[in-house]
Amino acid sequence: MRNDAQKITVEDWLKKANVKWIVGVYNVEDFLLLPDTHWIIGSGLNVYAAGFKDQVLTQQYLHLFDADAETGRRIMPDEITIKADLDTYPGSTPPDWSTFGPHGLDLSNREGDIVKLFVINHGGRDAVEIFEINVAGSEPKLTWVGNLNVPEDGWPDAVCWLPDTGGVIVSAMSDPRDPIGQTKRQLSGKPVGWLKEWNPETNKWTKLPGTESLSSPNGITTNKDGSKIWVNESTGACVTRINRGASDPGLIRVPLPGAPDNLRWSADGKFIYACVHTLDGASFEYEQLASAKWGTPIHTPFAVFKVDPETLDTTTFMPAGKYGPLGATCSVIEYKNRVWLGSCMSDRMGVFDNIRDQYQD
């Protein structure tokens, strides 16, 4: 990590960033801007860890946000058309909407008015649910078209669409069949979890070569041709770059000060945002358990870093701390000169002016 001078504080963000809270949208752990629109699609997490403890806490929903108006709402199941594409996704059956729990998300490239949405779902099954989103109307319209059941030896977290094959890579943080043993490995930073790729030609999952040493792979993204992968190792406390499809995976790791969560590209494609939980792992797990038990938001500190995709140099974007009522931030995206933040355990989203541009080194 480049030792950048921290010329901005949490207090600066809260005082100067024209903060808006979008309240009443729950556990929007991941979210993305629909290409060439002002619409943001978001998740709604309802379980927090492998076997937590194999209990769905509540029904959750996908969310739709108007980035211009800075408003948002749930997408109700009866708004979603069901039309299975069994040729592409054999054996697919619709999810159980009463236990639906969307987690990590990714989007395909836009083709005409259609973009595909890939969603990790924990409600009733651990699977990737696939939707087509039509952005032509006054509001985007969703059609569920299929699902991919995830191998049972992994609790899926993030999903990454692959532009070269149309398949996906999924990250699994641990093996849900051994939650106690896996937690011990996570807290000691040992290898745990996996990255697996689903290929639509074979309809099979294979482990991504060279990734056996990862410790709780979490957020994941790729470049425009799918030749490189960037993944956050939550209990490895680093961001890792991997050559995909090469004879040498060429893993390069750069440490981050905490447990990194999701990765998202900047609007100009020049760097990647990495959100990091800065509370120690044991304390964060305790806060998760307390939040689940009492049904209250979590107020743990976080930081956001900008990662250069080539050099992996990192600079502080939002310094570590508590940002008012929003804790456990997992994802950040840009829209115009505003940054959007979501959380795995909160009743709100936060929208901030990008005041970091005023404090460049």
Protein backbone atom coordinates (compact mmCIF):
# COMPACT_ATOMS: atom_id res chain seq x y z
CA MET A 1 0.00 0.00 0.00
CA ARG A 2 1.27 3.43 -0.84
CA ASN A 3 1.54 5.50 2.33
CA ASP A 4 -0.68 8.34 1.17
CA ALA A 5 -1.12 11.39 3.34
CA GLN A 6 -4.58 11.39 4.86
CA LYS A 7 -5.73 14.96 4.30
CA ILE A 8 -9.39 14.26 4.91
CA THR A 9 -11.27 13.01 7.95
CA VAL A 10 -14.54 11.27 8.70
CA GLU A 11 -15.76 14.56 10.14
CA ASP A 12 -15.03 16.26 6.81
CA TRP A 13 -17.22 13.76 4.98
CA LEU A 14 -20.09 14.13 7.43
CA LYS A 15 -19.93 17.94 7.54
CA LYS A 16 -19.10 18.79 3.92
CA ALA A 17 -20.45 15.94 1.80
CA ASN A 18 -24.14 16.91 1.65
CA VAL A 19 -25.12 13.50 3.02
CA LYS A 20 -28.51 12.03 2.21
CA TRP A 21 -29.87 8.91 3.92
CA ILE A 22 -32.30 6.73 1.99
CA VAL A 23 -34.11 5.08 4.89
CA GLY A 24 -36.28 1.95 4.78
CA VAL A 25 -34.15 -0.11 2.40
CA TYR A 26 -32.67 -3.01 4.32
CA ASN A 27 -29.29 -4.75 4.04
CA VAL A 28 -28.39 -3.50 0.56
CA GLU A 29 -25.04 -5.29 0.63
CA ASP A 30 -24.28 -4.85 -3.08
CA PHE A 31 -25.57 -2.62 -5.86
CA LEU A 32 -24.74 -1.54 -9.41
CA LEU A 33 -25.67 1.19 -11.86
CA LEU A 34 -27.61 -0.18 -14.83
CA PRO A 35 -25.58 0.77 -17.94
CA ASP A 36 -26.47 4.09 -19.59
CA THR A 37 -29.31 4.78 -17.15
CA HIS A 38 -29.93 6.60 -13.88
CA TRP A 39 -31.16 3.39 -12.21
CA ILE A 40 -29.31 1.45 -9.52
CA ILE A 41 -30.18 -2.19 -8.73
CA GLY A 42 -29.44 -3.37 -5.19
CA SER A 43 -29.55 -6.55 -3.12
CA GLY A 44 -31.11 -7.29 0.30
CA LEU A 45 -29.16 -9.79 2.40
CA ASN A 46 -31.05 -12.02 4.83
CA VAL A 47 -28.34 -14.35 6.17
CA TYR A 48 -24.94 -13.15 7.28
CA ALA A 49 -22.60 -16.15 7.25
CA ALA A 50 -22.35 -19.83 6.44
CA GLY A 51 -25.01 -21.59 8.48
CA PHE A 52 -25.89 -18.39 10.39
CA LYS A 53 -26.70 -20.63 11.75
CA ASP A 54 -28.36 -21.98 8.61
CA GLN A 55 -31.29 -19.71 9.44
CA VAL A 56 -33.05 -17.26 7.16
CA LEU A 57 -33.79 -14.23 9.32
CA THR A 58 -36.44 -12.57 7.16
CA GLN A 59 -37.68 -12.33 3.60
CA GLN A 60 -35.65 -9.87 1.58
CA TYR A 61 -35.92 -8.16 -1.77
CA LEU A 62 -34.04 -6.69 -4.68
CA HIS A 63 -34.12 -2.89 -4.57
CA LEU A 64 -34.42 -0.23 -7.25
CA PHE A 65 -32.99 3.27 -6.81
CA ASP A 66 -33.46 6.39 -8.90
CA ALA A 67 -29.96 7.88 -8.79
CA ASP A 68 -31.14 11.31 -9.96
CA ALA A 69 -33.92 11.63 -7.39
CA GLU A 70 -31.93 9.69 -4.76
CA THR A 71 -34.91 7.57 -3.81
CA GLY A 72 -35.34 3.81 -3.57
CA ARG A 73 -37.80 1.01 -2.94
CA ARG A 74 -38.22 -2.74 -2.80
CA ILE A 75 -38.95 -4.70 -5.96
CA MET A 76 -41.88 -6.92 -5.02
CA PRO A 77 -41.99 -10.52 -6.30
CA ASP A 78 -45.23 -9.92 -8.21
CA GLU A 79 -43.39 -7.32 -10.31
CA ILE A 80 -40.99 -9.99 -11.62
CA THR A 81 -41.97 -12.02 -14.68
CA ILE A 82 -41.04 -15.73 -14.69
CA LYS A 83 -39.75 -17.09 -18.01
CA ALA A 84 -37.16 -19.84 -17.62
CA ASP A 85 -34.46 -20.15 -20.30
CA LEU A 86 -33.91 -23.88 -19.94
CA ASP A 87 -31.62 -24.08 -22.96
CA THR A 88 -29.05 -21.84 -21.27
CA TYR A 89 -29.79 -22.79 -17.64
CA PRO A 90 -30.98 -26.43 -17.66
CA GLY A 91 -33.13 -27.62 -14.80
CA SER A 92 -33.90 -24.14 -13.50
CA THR A 93 -36.80 -23.54 -11.14
CA PRO A 94 -37.94 -20.19 -9.74
CA PRO A 95 -36.75 -19.16 -6.26
CA ASP A 96 -38.94 -19.25 -3.18
CA TRP A 97 -39.77 -15.55 -2.92
CA SER A 98 -40.93 -15.96 0.70
CA THR A 99 -37.34 -16.69 1.75
CA PHE A 100 -35.52 -14.86 -1.06
CA GLY A 101 -32.21 -13.39 0.13
CA PRO A 102 -30.18 -11.55 -2.54
CA HIS A 103 -26.50 -10.98 -1.71
CA GLY A 104 -23.72 -10.31 -4.28
CA LEU A 105 -24.62 -8.98 -7.73
CA ASP A 106 -23.14 -8.52 -11.18
CA LEU A 107 -24.33 -7.37 -14.59
CA SER A 108 -23.60 -8.47 -18.14
CA ASN A 109 -22.91 -6.02 -20.92
CA ARG A 110 -26.03 -4.27 -22.19
CA GLU A 111 -27.46 -5.57 -25.48
CA GLY A 112 -30.08 -3.18 -26.82
CA ASP A 113 -32.46 -2.55 -23.95
CA ILE A 114 -31.56 -5.77 -22.09
CA VAL A 115 -28.92 -6.40 -19.44
CA LYS A 116 -28.59 -9.63 -17.45
CA LEU A 117 -28.43 -9.52 -13.66
CA PHE A 118 -26.69 -12.30 -11.70
CA VAL A 119 -27.66 -12.57 -8.03
CA ILE A 120 -26.34 -14.74 -5.20
CA ASN A 121 -29.41 -16.02 -3.32
CA HIS A 122 -29.41 -17.70 0.10
CA GLY A 123 -33.16 -18.05 0.56
CA GLY A 124 -34.18 -21.69 0.26
CA ARG A 125 -31.04 -22.55 -1.72
CA ASP A 126 -27.54 -21.25 -2.31
CA ALA A 127 -27.71 -20.34 -5.97
CA VAL A 128 -27.02 -17.77 -8.63
CA GLU A 129 -30.37 -16.41 -9.83
CA ILE A 130 -30.37 -14.88 -13.31
CA PHE A 131 -32.67 -12.07 -14.42
CA GLU A 132 -33.06 -10.08 -17.60
CA ILE A 133 -33.66 -6.38 -17.02
CA ASN A 134 -35.41 -4.34 -19.69
CA VAL A 135 -34.47 -0.67 -19.28
CA ALA A 136 -36.61 0.70 -22.13
CA GLY A 137 -39.62 1.84 -20.10
CA SER A 138 -40.24 4.43 -17.43
CA GLU A 139 -38.79 1.97 -14.90
CA PRO A 140 -36.64 -1.14 -15.42
CA LYS A 141 -38.60 -4.40 -15.59
CA LEU A 142 -37.21 -7.73 -14.36
CA THR A 143 -37.73 -11.22 -15.76
CA TRP A 144 -36.31 -14.24 -13.91
CA VAL A 145 -34.79 -16.59 -16.51
CA GLY A 146 -32.84 -19.23 -14.59
CA ASN A 147 -30.62 -20.33 -11.75
CA LEU A 148 -27.32 -22.08 -11.13
CA ASN A 149 -27.10 -24.16 -7.96
CA VAL A 150 -23.78 -23.52 -6.26
CA PRO A 151 -21.61 -26.51 -5.17
CA GLU A 152 -22.51 -27.54 -1.63
CA ASP A 153 -18.95 -27.16 -0.31
CA GLY A 154 -19.12 -23.35 -0.44
CA TRP A 155 -21.18 -20.51 1.04
CA PRO A 156 -21.36 -18.12 -1.93
CA ASP A 157 -20.74 -14.44 -1.47
CA ALA A 158 -20.00 -12.61 -4.74
CA VAL A 159 -20.58 -13.32 -8.42
CA CYS A 160 -18.71 -12.02 -11.44
CA TRP A 161 -19.99 -12.24 -15.03
CA LEU A 162 -17.39 -13.29 -17.61
CA PRO A 163 -17.51 -11.38 -20.91
CA ASP A 164 -15.62 -14.00 -22.92
CA THR A 165 -17.80 -17.04 -22.14
CA GLY A 166 -21.01 -15.62 -20.69
CA GLY A 167 -20.34 -17.76 -17.62
CA VAL A 168 -19.70 -16.60 -14.07
CA ILE A 169 -17.17 -16.88 -11.28
CA VAL A 170 -18.50 -17.23 -7.73
CA SER A 171 -16.55 -16.66 -4.54
CA ALA A 172 -17.25 -18.81 -1.48
CA MET A 173 -15.94 -17.61 1.87
CA SER A 174 -16.14 -20.97 3.63
CA ASP A 175 -17.65 -24.45 3.66
CA PRO A 176 -21.10 -24.37 5.33
CA ARG A 177 -20.81 -28.06 6.26
CA ASP A 178 -18.16 -27.23 8.89
CA PRO A 179 -18.96 -23.73 10.21
CA ILE A 180 -16.98 -24.03 13.46
CA GLY A 181 -13.83 -25.40 11.86
CA GLN A 182 -14.08 -22.92 9.01
CA THR A 183 -14.46 -19.99 11.42
CA LYS A 184 -11.29 -21.05 13.24
CA ARG A 185 -9.40 -21.09 9.95
CA GLN A 186 -10.82 -17.71 9.00
CA LEU A 187 -9.84 -16.06 12.28
CA SER A 188 -6.29 -17.33 11.85
CA GLY A 189 -6.08 -16.16 8.23
CA LYS A 190 -5.55 -19.67 6.83
CA PRO A 191 -6.70 -20.78 3.36
CA VAL A 192 -10.46 -21.25 3.34
CA GLY A 193 -13.18 -20.96 0.70
CA TRP A 194 -12.80 -21.00 -3.09
CA LEU A 195 -13.34 -19.36 -6.48
CA LYS A 196 -15.22 -21.52 -8.97
CA GLU A 197 -16.17 -20.84 -12.57
CA TRP A 198 -19.35 -21.99 -14.28
CA ASN A 199 -19.06 -22.53 -18.03
CA PRO A 200 -22.29 -22.44 -20.07
CA GLU A 201 -20.90 -24.83 -22.69
CA THR A 202 -20.26 -27.62 -20.18
CA ASN A 203 -22.80 -26.57 -17.51
CA LYS A 204 -20.13 -27.46 -14.93
CA TRP A 205 -18.28 -25.75 -12.08
CA THR A 206 -14.47 -25.88 -11.91
CA LYS A 207 -12.11 -24.38 -9.36
CA LEU A 208 -10.14 -21.41 -10.67
CA PRO A 209 -6.49 -22.59 -10.99
CA GLY A 210 -4.01 -21.10 -8.55
CA THR A 211 -6.57 -19.97 -5.98
CA GLU A 212 -6.07 -22.68 -3.36
CA SER A 213 -4.25 -20.30 -1.00
CA LEU A 214 -7.03 -17.70 -0.78
CA SER A 215 -8.43 -16.91 2.68
CA SER A 216 -12.16 -16.16 2.51
CA PRO A 217 -12.46 -14.77 -1.03
CA ASN A 218 -15.16 -12.13 -1.06
CA GLY A 219 -15.78 -9.35 -3.59
CA ILE A 220 -14.65 -10.12 -7.12
CA THR A 221 -14.42 -8.29 -10.44
CA THR A 222 -12.81 -8.70 -13.84
CA ASN A 223 -11.54 -6.63 -16.77
CA LYS A 224 -13.25 -6.15 -20.13
CA ASP A 225 -11.94 -9.39 -21.69
CA GLY A 226 -12.04 -11.58 -18.57
CA SER A 227 -8.29 -12.20 -18.60
CA LYS A 228 -7.66 -10.85 -15.11
CA ILE A 229 -9.54 -11.23 -11.85
CA TRP A 230 -9.34 -9.04 -8.75
CA VAL A 231 -10.62 -10.54 -5.51
CA ASN A 232 -10.74 -9.36 -1.91
CA GLU A 233 -9.55 -11.91 0.65
CA SER A 234 -11.51 -10.96 3.76
CA THR A 235 -9.59 -12.99 6.33
CA GLY A 236 -6.41 -12.71 4.28
CA ALA A 237 -6.69 -8.90 4.63
CA CYS A 238 -5.62 -8.19 1.06
CA VAL A 239 -6.71 -7.58 -2.50
CA THR A 240 -5.36 -10.15 -4.96
CA ARG A 241 -4.97 -10.06 -8.73
CA ILE A 242 -5.11 -13.33 -10.69
CA ASN A 243 -4.37 -14.13 -14.32
CA ARG A 244 -7.35 -16.14 -15.56
CA GLY A 245 -6.77 -18.78 -18.23
CA ALA A 246 -3.00 -18.34 -18.18
CA SER A 247 -0.48 -21.11 -17.50
CA ASP A 248 0.75 -19.03 -14.54
CA PRO A 249 -2.07 -17.53 -12.43
CA GLY A 250 0.51 -15.01 -11.20
CA LEU A 251 -1.18 -14.11 -7.92
CA ILE A 252 -0.18 -10.68 -6.61
CA ARG A 253 -1.38 -9.66 -3.16
CA VAL A 254 -1.46 -6.20 -1.57
CA PRO A 255 -2.41 -5.87 2.12
CA LEU A 256 -5.36 -3.81 3.29
CA PRO A 257 -5.91 -2.64 6.91
CA GLY A 258 -8.86 -4.86 7.82
CA ALA A 259 -11.27 -7.27 6.19
CA PRO A 260 -12.00 -6.15 2.62
CA ASP A 261 -15.48 -6.80 1.29
CA ASN A 262 -16.73 -5.82 -2.19
CA LEU A 263 -14.86 -4.43 -5.21
CA ARG A 264 -16.39 -2.01 -7.72
CA TRP A 265 -14.91 -0.18 -10.71
CA SER A 266 -14.86 3.61 -10.79
CA ALA A 267 -17.07 5.25 -13.40
CA ASP A 268 -14.07 6.08 -15.60
CA GLY A 269 -12.62 2.55 -15.29
CA LYS A 270 -9.28 3.84 -13.99
CA PHE A 271 -9.38 2.28 -10.52
CA ILE A 272 -11.34 -0.09 -8.29
CA TYR A 273 -13.05 0.81 -5.01
CA ALA A 274 -12.38 -1.60 -2.13
CA CYS A 275 -14.51 -1.39 1.02
CA VAL A 276 -12.77 -2.58 4.19
CA HIS A 277 -14.23 -3.47 7.60
CA THR A 278 -11.66 -2.08 10.05
CA LEU A 279 -12.91 -3.78 13.22
CA ASP A 280 -11.02 -6.96 14.12
CA GLY A 281 -12.59 -10.21 12.93
CA ALA A 282 -13.71 -11.58 16.31
CA SER A 283 -15.36 -8.29 17.29
CA PHE A 284 -17.05 -7.98 13.90
CA GLU A 285 -18.50 -11.49 14.26
CA TYR A 286 -19.82 -10.55 17.72
CA GLU A 287 -21.46 -7.41 16.29
CA GLN A 288 -23.06 -9.51 13.53
CA LEU A 289 -24.52 -11.94 16.06
CA ALA A 290 -25.85 -9.12 18.22
CA SER A 291 -27.37 -7.37 15.20
CA ALA A 292 -29.10 -10.57 14.09
CA LYS A 293 -30.35 -11.36 17.59
CA TRP A 294 -31.90 -7.96 18.22
CA GLY A 295 -32.76 -6.99 14.65
CA THR A 296 -30.84 -3.73 14.85
CA PRO A 297 -28.48 -2.04 12.38
CA ILE A 298 -24.75 -2.53 12.83
CA HIS A 299 -22.57 0.54 13.45
CA THR A 300 -19.07 -0.82 12.89
CA PRO A 301 -16.31 1.32 11.31
CA PHE A 302 -15.13 0.97 7.74
CA ALA A 303 -12.81 2.55 5.20
CA VAL A 304 -12.79 2.81 1.41
CA PHE A 305 -9.66 2.58 -0.74
CA LYS A 306 -8.91 3.21 -4.40
CA VAL A 307 -6.90 0.37 -5.98
CA ASP A 308 -4.89 0.86 -9.15
CA PRO A 309 -5.71 -2.27 -11.21
CA GLU A 310 -2.23 -2.46 -12.77
CA THR A 311 0.17 -1.49 -9.97
CA LEU A 312 -2.21 -2.39 -7.10
CA ASP A 313 -1.14 0.83 -5.37
CA THR A 314 -3.86 1.86 -2.94
CA THR A 315 -4.87 5.29 -1.71
CA THR A 316 -7.35 6.27 0.95
CA PHE A 317 -10.69 7.41 -0.41
CA MET A 318 -12.77 7.46 2.80
CA PRO A 319 -10.70 7.17 6.01
CA ALA A 320 -11.52 4.56 8.63
CA GLY A 321 -14.25 5.46 11.07
CA LYS A 322 -17.94 5.53 11.81
CA TYR A 323 -20.04 7.48 9.32
CA GLY A 324 -23.07 8.46 11.35
CA PRO A 325 -25.84 5.84 11.39
CA LEU A 326 -24.33 3.81 8.52
CA GLY A 327 -21.97 1.00 9.51
CA ALA A 328 -20.55 -2.15 7.92
CA THR A 329 -20.40 -0.60 4.47
CA CYS A 330 -19.69 -3.26 1.86
CA SER A 331 -19.91 -1.50 -1.51
CA VAL A 332 -19.32 1.92 -3.07
CA ILE A 333 -20.24 3.11 -6.55
CA GLU A 334 -20.20 6.52 -8.26
CA TYR A 335 -22.98 8.39 -9.97
CA LYS A 336 -22.08 11.81 -11.32
CA ASN A 337 -20.21 13.50 -8.43
CA ARG A 338 -21.93 11.51 -5.72
CA VAL A 339 -20.88 8.25 -4.07
CA TRP A 340 -23.38 5.64 -2.91
CA LEU A 341 -22.72 3.40 0.08
CA GLY A 342 -24.62 0.32 1.24
CA SER A 343 -24.39 -2.06 4.18
CA CYS A 344 -24.99 -5.72 4.97
CA MET A 345 -26.84 -4.76 8.17
CA SER A 346 -28.58 -1.41 7.96
CA ASP A 347 -31.95 0.22 7.39
CA ARG A 348 -30.53 2.73 4.92
CA MET A 349 -28.24 3.70 2.07
CA GLY A 350 -25.93 6.71 2.22
CA VAL A 351 -25.30 9.14 -0.65
CA PHE A 352 -22.35 11.56 -0.31
CA ASP A 353 -20.70 14.26 -2.37
CA ASN A 354 -17.29 13.10 -3.61
CA ILE A 355 -15.32 15.61 -1.55
CA ARG A 356 -12.15 13.49 -1.81
CA ASP A 357 -11.37 15.27 -5.07
CA GLN A 358 -10.78 18.40 -3.01
CA TYR A 359 -7.97 16.71 -1.08
CA GLN A 360 -5.76 15.16 -3.74
CA ASP A 361 -2.15 14.58 -2.76
